Amino acid sequence: MAVRFALVVEFRSEQAAVAAADRVVAAGSSPVDLHWPRLDRDGTADLLLSVVPVVDGVRPARFFTDLGHGLYRLLSDLTGYRAALAGWDPVRSLRARAPVPGLVLPAPGDGPGFTPFARGFVWLPYRGESE
């Protein structure tokens, strides 16, 4: 599996995951250009929705910070998920529920530092990608 910059959203319900994928496709002109969303079962009962931006060539960290913010704006319109995280290869941190900046969970959250994200969700605010 390649390491890539993506938004990964975990769903327990197949119906909610498919509805979210449809919503990503319908966004069309979202804040960032996206590849088609991908749904995978990651060896569990959960479904992972991967949303990968279209990136051509090497880019500075600021570019990926802007992409991350765009992916979180897209996420703020989705519902029915259990956890989400954007960044470089976010699946490992998402699976571990590692308290990393950008982790989004259903309210009330899972520890100190969580703030409101979108209706029914909290997050550890995304700080962007370092240089």
N, C-alpha and C. Protein backbone atom coordinates (compact mmCIF):
# COMPACT_ATOMS: atom_id res chain seq x y z
N MET A 1 0.84 -1.18 0.00
CA MET A 1 0.00 0.00 0.00
C MET A 1 0.89 1.25 0.00
N ALA A 2 0.63 2.14 -0.89
CA ALA A 2 1.42 3.37 -1.00
C ALA A 2 1.05 4.35 0.11
N VAL A 3 2.04 5.09 0.55
CA VAL A 3 1.78 6.16 1.51
C VAL A 3 1.29 7.35 0.72
N ARG A 4 0.14 7.87 1.10
CA ARG A 4 -0.41 9.00 0.36
C ARG A 4 -1.17 9.93 1.29
N PHE A 5 -1.30 11.14 0.82
CA PHE A 5 -2.05 12.14 1.57
C PHE A 5 -3.52 11.91 1.27
N ALA A 6 -4.33 11.73 2.32
CA ALA A 6 -5.73 11.39 2.11
C ALA A 6 -6.55 11.75 3.34
N LEU A 7 -7.85 11.74 3.13
CA LEU A 7 -8.82 11.78 4.21
C LEU A 7 -9.38 10.37 4.31
N VAL A 8 -9.32 9.78 5.49
CA VAL A 8 -9.89 8.45 5.70
C VAL A 8 -10.98 8.58 6.74
N VAL A 9 -12.15 8.04 6.41
CA VAL A 9 -13.32 8.14 7.27
C VAL A 9 -13.81 6.73 7.57
N GLU A 10 -14.00 6.42 8.85
CA GLU A 10 -14.40 5.09 9.27
C GLU A 10 -15.91 5.04 9.53
N PHE A 11 -16.55 4.06 8.91
CA PHE A 11 -17.99 3.85 9.07
C PHE A 11 -18.25 2.45 9.58
N ARG A 12 -19.26 2.28 10.37
CA ARG A 12 -19.71 0.95 10.77
C ARG A 12 -20.82 0.48 9.82
N SER A 13 -21.61 1.41 9.31
CA SER A 13 -22.74 1.09 8.45
C SER A 13 -22.36 1.24 6.97
N GLU A 14 -22.61 0.19 6.21
CA GLU A 14 -22.35 0.25 4.76
C GLU A 14 -23.22 1.32 4.11
N GLN A 15 -24.44 1.43 4.56
CA GLN A 15 -25.36 2.41 4.01
C GLN A 15 -24.82 3.84 4.21
N ALA A 16 -24.31 4.15 5.40
CA ALA A 16 -23.76 5.47 5.67
C ALA A 16 -22.50 5.72 4.85
N ALA A 17 -21.67 4.70 4.68
CA ALA A 17 -20.44 4.85 3.90
C ALA A 17 -20.74 5.12 2.43
N VAL A 18 -21.69 4.40 1.88
CA VAL A 18 -22.06 4.61 0.48
C VAL A 18 -22.68 6.00 0.30
N ALA A 19 -23.52 6.41 1.24
CA ALA A 19 -24.12 7.75 1.16
C ALA A 19 -23.05 8.82 1.22
N ALA A 20 -22.03 8.63 2.06
CA ALA A 20 -20.94 9.61 2.15
C ALA A 20 -20.13 9.64 0.86
N ALA A 21 -19.85 8.47 0.28
CA ALA A 21 -19.12 8.41 -0.99
C ALA A 21 -19.91 9.12 -2.08
N ASP A 22 -21.21 8.90 -2.11
CA ASP A 22 -22.07 9.59 -3.09
C ASP A 22 -22.00 11.10 -2.89
N ARG A 23 -21.98 11.51 -1.63
CA ARG A 23 -21.92 12.95 -1.34
C ARG A 23 -20.60 13.57 -1.79
N VAL A 24 -19.50 12.82 -1.61
CA VAL A 24 -18.19 13.29 -2.07
C VAL A 24 -18.20 13.45 -3.58
N VAL A 25 -18.76 12.48 -4.29
CA VAL A 25 -18.85 12.55 -5.76
C VAL A 25 -19.73 13.73 -6.16
N ALA A 26 -20.84 13.91 -5.47
CA ALA A 26 -21.76 15.00 -5.80
C ALA A 26 -21.15 16.36 -5.55
N ALA A 27 -20.17 16.43 -4.62
CA ALA A 27 -19.52 17.71 -4.32
C ALA A 27 -18.84 18.25 -5.57
N GLY A 28 -18.42 17.35 -6.46
CA GLY A 28 -17.85 17.76 -7.74
C GLY A 28 -16.78 18.81 -7.61
N SER A 29 -17.18 20.05 -7.51
CA SER A 29 -16.22 21.14 -7.40
C SER A 29 -15.96 21.44 -5.93
N SER A 30 -15.47 20.42 -5.23
CA SER A 30 -15.16 20.60 -3.81
C SER A 30 -13.97 21.54 -3.69
N PRO A 31 -13.57 21.86 -2.46
CA PRO A 31 -12.43 22.78 -2.29
C PRO A 31 -11.14 22.28 -2.94
N VAL A 32 -11.05 20.96 -3.20
CA VAL A 32 -9.86 20.39 -3.84
C VAL A 32 -10.30 19.39 -4.91
N ASP A 33 -9.47 19.19 -5.94
CA ASP A 33 -9.77 18.16 -6.94
C ASP A 33 -9.50 16.79 -6.32
N LEU A 34 -10.42 15.86 -6.51
CA LEU A 34 -10.34 14.56 -5.86
C LEU A 34 -10.39 13.41 -6.85
N HIS A 35 -9.71 12.32 -6.51
CA HIS A 35 -9.93 11.06 -7.21
C HIS A 35 -11.28 10.53 -6.74
N TRP A 36 -11.83 9.53 -7.45
CA TRP A 36 -13.08 8.92 -7.00
C TRP A 36 -12.86 8.34 -5.61
N PRO A 37 -13.82 8.49 -4.72
CA PRO A 37 -13.65 7.93 -3.36
C PRO A 37 -13.61 6.40 -3.43
N ARG A 38 -12.93 5.82 -2.46
CA ARG A 38 -12.77 4.37 -2.43
C ARG A 38 -13.27 3.83 -1.09
N LEU A 39 -14.05 2.75 -1.14
CA LEU A 39 -14.53 2.08 0.07
C LEU A 39 -13.82 0.74 0.21
N ASP A 40 -13.28 0.48 1.39
CA ASP A 40 -12.58 -0.77 1.67
C ASP A 40 -12.99 -1.30 3.03
N ARG A 41 -12.99 -2.61 3.14
CA ARG A 41 -13.10 -3.25 4.46
C ARG A 41 -11.67 -3.52 4.88
N ASP A 42 -11.30 -3.02 6.03
CA ASP A 42 -9.92 -3.11 6.48
C ASP A 42 -9.74 -4.28 7.44
N GLY A 43 -10.21 -5.47 7.05
CA GLY A 43 -10.07 -6.64 7.90
C GLY A 43 -10.97 -6.61 9.12
N THR A 44 -11.92 -5.71 9.15
CA THR A 44 -12.85 -5.58 10.28
C THR A 44 -14.26 -5.44 9.73
N ALA A 45 -15.19 -5.24 10.63
CA ALA A 45 -16.57 -5.00 10.20
C ALA A 45 -16.75 -3.57 9.71
N ASP A 46 -15.75 -2.72 9.95
CA ASP A 46 -15.86 -1.32 9.57
C ASP A 46 -15.47 -1.10 8.11
N LEU A 47 -16.02 -0.04 7.53
CA LEU A 47 -15.67 0.37 6.18
C LEU A 47 -14.84 1.64 6.25
N LEU A 48 -13.82 1.71 5.43
CA LEU A 48 -13.00 2.91 5.36
C LEU A 48 -13.25 3.60 4.02
N LEU A 49 -13.64 4.85 4.09
CA LEU A 49 -13.82 5.67 2.90
C LEU A 49 -12.54 6.50 2.76
N SER A 50 -11.84 6.31 1.63
CA SER A 50 -10.62 7.07 1.36
C SER A 50 -10.92 8.12 0.31
N VAL A 51 -10.55 9.35 0.61
CA VAL A 51 -10.71 10.47 -0.31
C VAL A 51 -9.30 11.03 -0.55
N VAL A 52 -8.83 10.88 -1.79
CA VAL A 52 -7.46 11.25 -2.12
C VAL A 52 -7.47 12.42 -3.09
N PRO A 53 -6.78 13.51 -2.75
CA PRO A 53 -6.69 14.66 -3.66
C PRO A 53 -5.84 14.32 -4.88
N VAL A 54 -6.11 14.99 -5.96
CA VAL A 54 -5.29 14.87 -7.17
C VAL A 54 -4.08 15.79 -6.97
N VAL A 55 -2.90 15.18 -6.98
CA VAL A 55 -1.66 15.93 -6.79
C VAL A 55 -0.70 15.54 -7.89
N ASP A 56 -0.19 16.53 -8.60
CA ASP A 56 0.77 16.26 -9.66
C ASP A 56 2.12 16.86 -9.29
N GLY A 57 3.11 16.02 -9.10
CA GLY A 57 4.45 16.50 -8.80
C GLY A 57 4.69 16.77 -7.33
N VAL A 58 5.91 17.17 -7.05
CA VAL A 58 6.33 17.47 -5.69
C VAL A 58 5.81 18.84 -5.29
N ARG A 59 5.28 18.93 -4.09
CA ARG A 59 4.69 20.18 -3.61
C ARG A 59 5.23 20.51 -2.23
N PRO A 60 5.24 21.79 -1.85
CA PRO A 60 5.69 22.16 -0.51
C PRO A 60 4.65 21.79 0.54
N ALA A 61 5.10 21.76 1.80
CA ALA A 61 4.21 21.40 2.91
C ALA A 61 2.98 22.31 2.97
N ARG A 62 3.13 23.58 2.65
CA ARG A 62 2.00 24.53 2.69
C ARG A 62 0.87 24.07 1.76
N PHE A 63 1.24 23.53 0.60
CA PHE A 63 0.26 23.01 -0.34
C PHE A 63 -0.57 21.91 0.33
N PHE A 64 0.10 20.99 1.04
CA PHE A 64 -0.61 19.89 1.69
C PHE A 64 -1.42 20.37 2.89
N THR A 65 -0.96 21.40 3.55
CA THR A 65 -1.75 22.01 4.63
C THR A 65 -3.07 22.53 4.06
N ASP A 66 -3.00 23.24 2.94
CA ASP A 66 -4.22 23.74 2.29
C ASP A 66 -5.12 22.59 1.85
N LEU A 67 -4.52 21.51 1.31
CA LEU A 67 -5.32 20.34 0.94
C LEU A 67 -6.02 19.76 2.16
N GLY A 68 -5.29 19.65 3.27
CA GLY A 68 -5.88 19.12 4.50
C GLY A 68 -7.07 19.93 4.94
N HIS A 69 -6.93 21.26 4.92
CA HIS A 69 -8.06 22.11 5.32
C HIS A 69 -9.24 21.91 4.36
N GLY A 70 -8.96 21.75 3.07
CA GLY A 70 -10.04 21.49 2.10
C GLY A 70 -10.74 20.17 2.37
N LEU A 71 -9.97 19.14 2.71
CA LEU A 71 -10.57 17.84 3.03
C LEU A 71 -11.43 17.92 4.28
N TYR A 72 -10.99 18.67 5.28
CA TYR A 72 -11.82 18.82 6.49
C TYR A 72 -13.09 19.62 6.20
N ARG A 73 -13.03 20.59 5.28
CA ARG A 73 -14.27 21.29 4.89
C ARG A 73 -15.25 20.31 4.24
N LEU A 74 -14.72 19.43 3.41
CA LEU A 74 -15.56 18.40 2.78
C LEU A 74 -16.14 17.47 3.85
N LEU A 75 -15.32 17.06 4.80
CA LEU A 75 -15.76 16.17 5.88
C LEU A 75 -16.87 16.80 6.72
N SER A 76 -16.83 18.11 6.89
CA SER A 76 -17.82 18.77 7.75
C SER A 76 -19.24 18.60 7.23
N ASP A 77 -19.40 18.21 5.96
CA ASP A 77 -20.72 17.97 5.39
C ASP A 77 -21.15 16.51 5.47
N LEU A 78 -20.28 15.63 5.95
CA LEU A 78 -20.60 14.20 6.03
C LEU A 78 -21.12 13.86 7.41
N THR A 79 -21.90 12.79 7.49
CA THR A 79 -22.45 12.32 8.76
C THR A 79 -22.35 10.80 8.81
N GLY A 80 -22.67 10.23 9.97
CA GLY A 80 -22.77 8.79 10.11
C GLY A 80 -21.45 8.06 10.27
N TYR A 81 -20.37 8.77 10.49
CA TYR A 81 -19.08 8.10 10.64
C TYR A 81 -18.66 8.01 12.10
N ARG A 82 -17.68 7.16 12.35
CA ARG A 82 -17.19 6.93 13.72
C ARG A 82 -15.89 7.66 14.01
N ALA A 83 -15.11 7.92 12.99
CA ALA A 83 -13.83 8.60 13.17
C ALA A 83 -13.33 9.02 11.80
N ALA A 84 -12.50 10.07 11.77
CA ALA A 84 -11.91 10.52 10.51
C ALA A 84 -10.59 11.21 10.80
N LEU A 85 -9.71 11.18 9.79
CA LEU A 85 -8.41 11.82 9.92
C LEU A 85 -7.86 12.08 8.52
N ALA A 86 -7.28 13.26 8.33
CA ALA A 86 -6.62 13.59 7.08
C ALA A 86 -5.13 13.74 7.34
N GLY A 87 -4.34 13.42 6.33
CA GLY A 87 -2.89 13.57 6.44
C GLY A 87 -2.18 12.50 5.64
N TRP A 88 -0.91 12.29 5.96
CA TRP A 88 -0.10 11.28 5.30
C TRP A 88 -0.39 9.93 5.89
N ASP A 89 -0.91 9.02 5.08
CA ASP A 89 -1.18 7.64 5.49
C ASP A 89 -1.91 7.59 6.84
N PRO A 90 -3.10 8.17 6.93
CA PRO A 90 -3.79 8.32 8.21
C PRO A 90 -4.40 7.05 8.79
N VAL A 91 -4.41 5.95 8.04
CA VAL A 91 -5.12 4.75 8.50
C VAL A 91 -4.57 4.24 9.83
N ARG A 92 -3.25 4.18 9.98
CA ARG A 92 -2.64 3.64 11.19
C ARG A 92 -3.07 4.44 12.43
N SER A 93 -3.00 5.76 12.36
CA SER A 93 -3.39 6.59 13.50
C SER A 93 -4.88 6.49 13.76
N LEU A 94 -5.66 6.39 12.69
CA LEU A 94 -7.11 6.28 12.83
C LEU A 94 -7.49 4.98 13.54
N ARG A 95 -6.89 3.89 13.12
CA ARG A 95 -7.17 2.59 13.72
C ARG A 95 -6.81 2.57 15.20
N ALA A 96 -5.71 3.22 15.55
CA ALA A 96 -5.25 3.23 16.94
C ALA A 96 -5.97 4.29 17.77
N ARG A 97 -6.77 5.11 17.11
CA ARG A 97 -7.42 6.25 17.77
C ARG A 97 -6.36 7.10 18.46
N ALA A 98 -5.20 7.18 17.82
CA ALA A 98 -4.12 8.00 18.37
C ALA A 98 -4.59 9.44 18.43
N PRO A 99 -4.39 10.10 19.56
CA PRO A 99 -4.86 11.49 19.69
C PRO A 99 -3.94 12.46 18.95
N VAL A 100 -4.04 12.44 17.63
CA VAL A 100 -3.21 13.30 16.79
C VAL A 100 -4.04 14.47 16.27
N PRO A 101 -3.40 15.61 16.00
CA PRO A 101 -4.15 16.75 15.45
C PRO A 101 -4.88 16.34 14.17
N GLY A 102 -6.15 16.71 14.11
CA GLY A 102 -6.99 16.39 12.97
C GLY A 102 -7.95 15.25 13.22
N LEU A 103 -7.76 14.47 14.29
CA LEU A 103 -8.65 13.34 14.57
C LEU A 103 -10.04 13.87 14.89
N VAL A 104 -11.03 13.34 14.18
CA VAL A 104 -12.43 13.73 14.36
C VAL A 104 -13.19 12.53 14.91
N LEU A 105 -13.94 12.74 15.99
CA LEU A 105 -14.74 11.70 16.63
C LEU A 105 -16.14 12.23 16.93
N PRO A 106 -17.10 11.33 17.12
CA PRO A 106 -18.42 11.79 17.54
C PRO A 106 -18.33 12.49 18.90
N ALA A 107 -19.14 13.51 19.10
CA ALA A 107 -19.16 14.22 20.39
C ALA A 107 -19.63 13.24 21.46
N PRO A 108 -19.13 13.30 22.65
CA PRO A 108 -18.39 14.39 23.28
C PRO A 108 -16.88 14.29 23.13
N GLY A 109 -16.34 13.35 22.41
CA GLY A 109 -14.89 13.26 22.25
C GLY A 109 -14.31 12.21 23.16
N ASP A 110 -13.01 12.12 23.13
CA ASP A 110 -12.35 11.05 23.85
C ASP A 110 -11.09 11.56 24.54
N GLY A 111 -11.25 12.58 25.35
CA GLY A 111 -10.11 13.10 26.09
C GLY A 111 -9.97 14.60 25.98
N PRO A 112 -8.93 15.13 26.61
CA PRO A 112 -8.72 16.58 26.63
C PRO A 112 -8.30 17.12 25.27
N GLY A 113 -8.63 18.38 25.04
CA GLY A 113 -8.18 19.04 23.82
C GLY A 113 -9.17 19.00 22.68
N PHE A 114 -10.22 18.19 22.78
CA PHE A 114 -11.20 18.11 21.70
C PHE A 114 -12.09 19.35 21.73
N THR A 115 -12.36 19.90 20.55
CA THR A 115 -13.22 21.07 20.40
C THR A 115 -14.28 20.76 19.35
N PRO A 116 -15.36 21.55 19.28
CA PRO A 116 -16.40 21.29 18.28
C PRO A 116 -15.83 21.32 16.86
N PHE A 117 -16.31 20.38 16.03
CA PHE A 117 -15.89 20.32 14.63
C PHE A 117 -17.08 20.61 13.72
N ALA A 118 -18.04 19.73 13.72
CA ALA A 118 -19.28 19.88 12.95
C ALA A 118 -20.38 19.31 13.83
N ARG A 119 -21.61 19.50 13.43
CA ARG A 119 -22.73 19.04 14.25
C ARG A 119 -22.56 17.57 14.64
N GLY A 120 -22.46 17.33 15.95
CA GLY A 120 -22.34 15.98 16.47
C GLY A 120 -20.92 15.43 16.52
N PHE A 121 -19.93 16.25 16.14
CA PHE A 121 -18.55 15.78 16.09
C PHE A 121 -17.61 16.79 16.75
N VAL A 122 -16.51 16.26 17.28
CA VAL A 122 -15.44 17.07 17.86
C VAL A 122 -14.13 16.65 17.21
N TRP A 123 -13.10 17.48 17.42
CA TRP A 123 -11.79 17.13 16.86
C TRP A 123 -10.67 17.74 17.67
N LEU A 124 -9.50 17.20 17.44
CA LEU A 124 -8.27 17.82 17.87
C LEU A 124 -7.87 18.66 16.67
N PRO A 125 -7.93 19.98 16.74
CA PRO A 125 -7.78 20.82 15.56
C PRO A 125 -6.53 20.48 14.73
N TYR A 126 -6.75 20.44 13.42
CA TYR A 126 -5.70 20.17 12.45
C TYR A 126 -4.74 21.35 12.40
N ARG A 127 -3.45 21.06 12.53
CA ARG A 127 -2.43 22.10 12.54
C ARG A 127 -1.72 22.24 11.20
N GLY A 128 -1.99 21.34 10.28
CA GLY A 128 -1.32 21.41 8.98
C GLY A 128 -0.07 20.54 8.95
N GLU A 129 0.57 20.57 7.80
CA GLU A 129 1.75 19.76 7.57
C GLU A 129 3.00 20.59 7.83
N SER A 130 3.97 20.01 8.47
CA SER A 130 5.20 20.75 8.78
C SER A 130 6.14 20.75 7.58
N GLU A 131 6.97 21.77 7.52
CA GLU A 131 7.95 21.90 6.44
C GLU A 131 8.99 20.83 6.51
